[in-house]
Amino acid sequence: MKLKDIAHGRTGDKGDISNISVISYKAEDFDLIKEKVTAEVVKEYFKDICHGEVVRYELENVHALNFVLDKALGGGVTRSLALDKHGKSLSMALMEMEI
């Protein structure tokens, strides 16, 4: 199954850092998401664009994970030649991950 089948996501940015939240639709799916969507898995998934550390934060009370990807936006909005300089599409890209 794809991650989007049991969760949705949001993306934010600051400079060259992308912040991706993965929010479970149902509380009972959160343990599976925590098991399958680790910082290491996300780092590997975005290996072509993320050249820094990936840190995962767990928000148990809202059944969500927050990933902070350092050096993931090609230098940031004012320096990147990427079409999506803010990285707003990264959450949708992550939702396509097979888990």
N, C-alpha and C. Protein backbone atom coordinates (compact mmCIF):
# COMPACT_ATOMS: atom_id res chain seq x y z
N MET A 1 0.84 -1.17 0.00
CA MET A 1 0.00 0.00 0.00
C MET A 1 0.88 1.23 0.00
N LYS A 2 0.33 2.32 -0.47
CA LYS A 2 1.06 3.58 -0.44
C LYS A 2 0.73 4.32 0.85
N LEU A 3 1.67 5.14 1.28
CA LEU A 3 1.48 5.92 2.51
C LEU A 3 0.22 6.76 2.42
N LYS A 4 -0.09 7.29 1.23
CA LYS A 4 -1.28 8.14 1.08
C LYS A 4 -2.59 7.40 1.36
N ASP A 5 -2.55 6.08 1.38
CA ASP A 5 -3.76 5.31 1.68
C ASP A 5 -4.16 5.42 3.15
N ILE A 6 -3.20 5.74 4.02
CA ILE A 6 -3.50 5.81 5.46
C ILE A 6 -3.08 7.12 6.12
N ALA A 7 -2.54 8.05 5.31
CA ALA A 7 -2.06 9.32 5.89
C ALA A 7 -2.11 10.43 4.85
N HIS A 8 -2.01 11.65 5.35
CA HIS A 8 -1.84 12.80 4.47
C HIS A 8 -0.65 13.59 4.98
N GLY A 9 -0.20 14.57 4.20
CA GLY A 9 1.00 15.29 4.58
C GLY A 9 0.90 16.78 4.32
N ARG A 10 1.80 17.50 4.97
CA ARG A 10 1.96 18.95 4.79
C ARG A 10 3.45 19.23 4.72
N THR A 11 3.79 20.29 4.00
CA THR A 11 5.20 20.64 3.86
C THR A 11 5.40 22.11 4.18
N GLY A 12 6.52 22.40 4.81
CA GLY A 12 6.93 23.77 5.06
C GLY A 12 8.40 23.90 4.74
N ASP A 13 8.91 25.11 4.79
CA ASP A 13 10.33 25.31 4.49
C ASP A 13 10.86 26.52 5.23
N LYS A 14 12.16 26.52 5.42
CA LYS A 14 12.88 27.67 5.96
C LYS A 14 14.29 27.57 5.42
N GLY A 15 14.64 28.47 4.53
CA GLY A 15 15.97 28.41 3.93
C GLY A 15 16.13 27.14 3.13
N ASP A 16 17.13 26.36 3.48
CA ASP A 16 17.44 25.11 2.77
C ASP A 16 16.92 23.89 3.54
N ILE A 17 15.96 24.12 4.43
CA ILE A 17 15.41 23.04 5.26
C ILE A 17 13.95 22.82 4.88
N SER A 18 13.59 21.57 4.62
CA SER A 18 12.21 21.21 4.36
C SER A 18 11.65 20.48 5.59
N ASN A 19 10.42 20.76 5.89
CA ASN A 19 9.73 20.18 7.03
C ASN A 19 8.51 19.45 6.47
N ILE A 20 8.46 18.12 6.64
CA ILE A 20 7.36 17.34 6.10
C ILE A 20 6.63 16.64 7.25
N SER A 21 5.33 16.88 7.35
CA SER A 21 4.50 16.20 8.34
C SER A 21 3.72 15.08 7.68
N VAL A 22 3.63 13.96 8.38
CA VAL A 22 2.84 12.81 7.96
C VAL A 22 1.79 12.60 9.04
N ILE A 23 0.52 12.74 8.68
CA ILE A 23 -0.56 12.68 9.65
C ILE A 23 -1.47 11.49 9.33
N SER A 24 -1.61 10.61 10.28
CA SER A 24 -2.43 9.42 10.11
C SER A 24 -3.90 9.79 10.06
N TYR A 25 -4.64 9.19 9.12
CA TYR A 25 -6.09 9.39 9.07
C TYR A 25 -6.76 8.77 10.28
N LYS A 26 -6.27 7.59 10.70
CA LYS A 26 -6.87 6.86 11.81
C LYS A 26 -5.81 6.56 12.86
N ALA A 27 -6.19 6.69 14.12
CA ALA A 27 -5.25 6.44 15.23
C ALA A 27 -4.67 5.04 15.16
N GLU A 28 -5.47 4.07 14.74
CA GLU A 28 -5.00 2.68 14.72
C GLU A 28 -3.92 2.42 13.67
N ASP A 29 -3.74 3.32 12.72
CA ASP A 29 -2.68 3.15 11.71
C ASP A 29 -1.36 3.81 12.09
N PHE A 30 -1.37 4.58 13.17
CA PHE A 30 -0.18 5.35 13.53
C PHE A 30 1.01 4.47 13.88
N ASP A 31 0.80 3.36 14.55
CA ASP A 31 1.93 2.47 14.88
C ASP A 31 2.59 1.91 13.62
N LEU A 32 1.80 1.57 12.62
CA LEU A 32 2.36 1.09 11.36
C LEU A 32 3.17 2.18 10.68
N ILE A 33 2.66 3.39 10.68
CA ILE A 33 3.39 4.51 10.08
C ILE A 33 4.71 4.73 10.81
N LYS A 34 4.67 4.71 12.15
CA LYS A 34 5.91 4.89 12.92
C LYS A 34 6.93 3.82 12.60
N GLU A 35 6.45 2.60 12.41
CA GLU A 35 7.35 1.48 12.11
C GLU A 35 7.96 1.59 10.72
N LYS A 36 7.18 1.96 9.74
CA LYS A 36 7.62 1.93 8.34
C LYS A 36 8.29 3.22 7.87
N VAL A 37 7.89 4.36 8.43
CA VAL A 37 8.38 5.64 7.94
C VAL A 37 9.38 6.23 8.95
N THR A 38 10.58 5.70 8.89
CA THR A 38 11.64 6.14 9.79
C THR A 38 12.45 7.27 9.13
N ALA A 39 13.28 7.91 9.93
CA ALA A 39 14.16 8.95 9.39
C ALA A 39 15.09 8.37 8.33
N GLU A 40 15.56 7.15 8.55
CA GLU A 40 16.46 6.50 7.59
C GLU A 40 15.75 6.21 6.27
N VAL A 41 14.51 5.77 6.36
CA VAL A 41 13.73 5.48 5.15
C VAL A 41 13.46 6.77 4.36
N VAL A 42 13.11 7.83 5.06
CA VAL A 42 12.85 9.12 4.40
C VAL A 42 14.13 9.66 3.78
N LYS A 43 15.24 9.55 4.48
CA LYS A 43 16.54 9.99 3.94
C LYS A 43 16.86 9.24 2.65
N GLU A 44 16.66 7.94 2.64
CA GLU A 44 16.90 7.13 1.44
C GLU A 44 15.92 7.51 0.33
N TYR A 45 14.68 7.73 0.68
CA TYR A 45 13.64 8.07 -0.30
C TYR A 45 13.97 9.37 -1.03
N PHE A 46 14.53 10.34 -0.30
CA PHE A 46 14.87 11.64 -0.88
C PHE A 46 16.37 11.80 -1.11
N LYS A 47 17.08 10.70 -1.28
CA LYS A 47 18.54 10.74 -1.39
C LYS A 47 19.05 11.63 -2.53
N ASP A 48 18.27 11.80 -3.57
CA ASP A 48 18.72 12.62 -4.69
C ASP A 48 18.65 14.12 -4.40
N ILE A 49 17.84 14.52 -3.43
CA ILE A 49 17.72 15.95 -3.16
C ILE A 49 18.14 16.35 -1.74
N CYS A 50 18.09 15.41 -0.81
CA CYS A 50 18.44 15.73 0.58
C CYS A 50 19.90 15.38 0.84
N HIS A 51 20.70 16.41 1.05
CA HIS A 51 22.14 16.22 1.24
C HIS A 51 22.58 16.45 2.69
N GLY A 52 21.61 16.48 3.58
CA GLY A 52 21.91 16.68 4.99
C GLY A 52 21.19 15.64 5.83
N GLU A 53 21.11 15.95 7.09
CA GLU A 53 20.50 15.05 8.08
C GLU A 53 18.97 15.07 7.98
N VAL A 54 18.35 13.95 8.31
CA VAL A 54 16.89 13.87 8.44
C VAL A 54 16.59 13.49 9.88
N VAL A 55 15.78 14.31 10.54
CA VAL A 55 15.39 14.07 11.93
C VAL A 55 13.88 13.88 11.97
N ARG A 56 13.43 12.87 12.73
CA ARG A 56 12.00 12.61 12.88
C ARG A 56 11.55 12.96 14.28
N TYR A 57 10.43 13.65 14.35
CA TYR A 57 9.78 13.97 15.62
C TYR A 57 8.41 13.30 15.63
N GLU A 58 8.04 12.74 16.78
CA GLU A 58 6.75 12.07 16.91
C GLU A 58 5.79 12.96 17.70
N LEU A 59 4.60 13.12 17.17
CA LEU A 59 3.55 13.89 17.82
C LEU A 59 2.41 12.93 18.13
N GLU A 60 2.57 12.20 19.21
CA GLU A 60 1.64 11.12 19.58
C GLU A 60 0.20 11.61 19.71
N ASN A 61 0.02 12.79 20.29
CA ASN A 61 -1.34 13.26 20.58
C ASN A 61 -2.15 13.58 19.32
N VAL A 62 -1.48 13.81 18.19
CA VAL A 62 -2.20 14.08 16.94
C VAL A 62 -1.90 13.02 15.88
N HIS A 63 -1.26 11.93 16.29
CA HIS A 63 -0.95 10.80 15.41
C HIS A 63 -0.21 11.25 14.16
N ALA A 64 0.88 11.99 14.41
CA ALA A 64 1.64 12.55 13.29
C ALA A 64 3.14 12.41 13.53
N LEU A 65 3.86 12.42 12.42
CA LEU A 65 5.32 12.47 12.44
C LEU A 65 5.73 13.75 11.72
N ASN A 66 6.82 14.33 12.16
CA ASN A 66 7.36 15.52 11.51
C ASN A 66 8.81 15.23 11.15
N PHE A 67 9.14 15.37 9.89
CA PHE A 67 10.50 15.14 9.42
C PHE A 67 11.12 16.47 9.03
N VAL A 68 12.34 16.70 9.49
CA VAL A 68 13.09 17.89 9.14
C VAL A 68 14.26 17.42 8.28
N LEU A 69 14.26 17.87 7.02
CA LEU A 69 15.29 17.49 6.05
C LEU A 69 16.21 18.67 5.82
N ASP A 70 17.45 18.54 6.25
CA ASP A 70 18.43 19.60 6.10
C ASP A 70 19.10 19.51 4.73
N LYS A 71 19.39 20.65 4.16
CA LYS A 71 20.03 20.73 2.84
C LYS A 71 19.23 19.98 1.79
N ALA A 72 17.93 20.29 1.73
CA ALA A 72 17.04 19.57 0.83
C ALA A 72 16.40 20.44 -0.24
N LEU A 73 16.68 21.74 -0.24
CA LEU A 73 15.99 22.63 -1.18
C LEU A 73 16.95 23.36 -2.11
N GLY A 74 18.07 22.73 -2.41
CA GLY A 74 19.00 23.30 -3.38
C GLY A 74 19.56 24.65 -3.00
N GLY A 75 19.70 24.90 -1.71
CA GLY A 75 20.24 26.17 -1.24
C GLY A 75 19.19 27.11 -0.69
N GLY A 76 17.93 26.81 -0.91
CA GLY A 76 16.86 27.66 -0.42
C GLY A 76 16.22 28.45 -1.55
N VAL A 77 15.15 29.15 -1.23
CA VAL A 77 14.33 29.82 -2.23
C VAL A 77 15.13 30.79 -3.10
N THR A 78 15.97 31.57 -2.50
CA THR A 78 16.68 32.60 -3.28
C THR A 78 17.90 32.06 -4.01
N ARG A 79 18.27 30.79 -3.77
CA ARG A 79 19.47 30.24 -4.41
C ARG A 79 19.19 29.08 -5.34
N SER A 80 18.05 28.45 -5.21
CA SER A 80 17.74 27.23 -5.95
C SER A 80 17.24 27.52 -7.36
N LEU A 81 17.59 26.64 -8.28
CA LEU A 81 17.07 26.70 -9.64
C LEU A 81 15.91 25.71 -9.83
N ALA A 82 15.50 25.05 -8.75
CA ALA A 82 14.43 24.06 -8.81
C ALA A 82 13.10 24.72 -9.15
N LEU A 83 12.23 23.99 -9.82
CA LEU A 83 10.90 24.51 -10.14
C LEU A 83 10.07 24.72 -8.89
N ASP A 84 10.22 23.85 -7.90
CA ASP A 84 9.49 23.95 -6.64
C ASP A 84 10.47 24.40 -5.57
N LYS A 85 10.84 25.65 -5.58
CA LYS A 85 11.88 26.18 -4.69
C LYS A 85 11.53 26.03 -3.21
N HIS A 86 10.26 26.07 -2.90
CA HIS A 86 9.82 25.94 -1.51
C HIS A 86 9.69 24.49 -1.07
N GLY A 87 9.72 23.56 -2.00
CA GLY A 87 9.56 22.15 -1.65
C GLY A 87 8.16 21.78 -1.25
N LYS A 88 7.16 22.54 -1.68
CA LYS A 88 5.77 22.28 -1.27
C LYS A 88 5.26 20.94 -1.77
N SER A 89 5.84 20.42 -2.84
CA SER A 89 5.37 19.14 -3.38
C SER A 89 6.01 17.94 -2.69
N LEU A 90 6.94 18.15 -1.77
CA LEU A 90 7.64 17.03 -1.14
C LEU A 90 6.71 16.16 -0.30
N SER A 91 5.70 16.75 0.32
CA SER A 91 4.78 15.91 1.10
C SER A 91 4.00 14.97 0.19
N MET A 92 3.59 15.46 -0.97
CA MET A 92 2.88 14.60 -1.91
C MET A 92 3.81 13.52 -2.48
N ALA A 93 5.06 13.87 -2.69
CA ALA A 93 6.04 12.89 -3.14
C ALA A 93 6.19 11.79 -2.10
N LEU A 94 6.27 12.16 -0.83
CA LEU A 94 6.40 11.18 0.25
C LEU A 94 5.15 10.29 0.35
N MET A 95 3.98 10.85 0.08
CA MET A 95 2.74 10.07 0.14
C MET A 95 2.72 8.94 -0.89
N GLU A 96 3.56 9.02 -1.91
CA GLU A 96 3.64 7.98 -2.94
C GLU A 96 4.51 6.80 -2.49
N MET A 97 5.15 6.91 -1.34
CA MET A 97 6.02 5.83 -0.83
C MET A 97 5.23 4.57 -0.55
N GLU A 98 5.76 3.45 -1.00
CA GLU A 98 5.18 2.14 -0.67
C GLU A 98 5.61 1.76 0.74
N ILE A 99 4.64 1.36 1.56
CA ILE A 99 4.98 0.92 2.93
C ILE A 99 4.51 -0.51 3.14
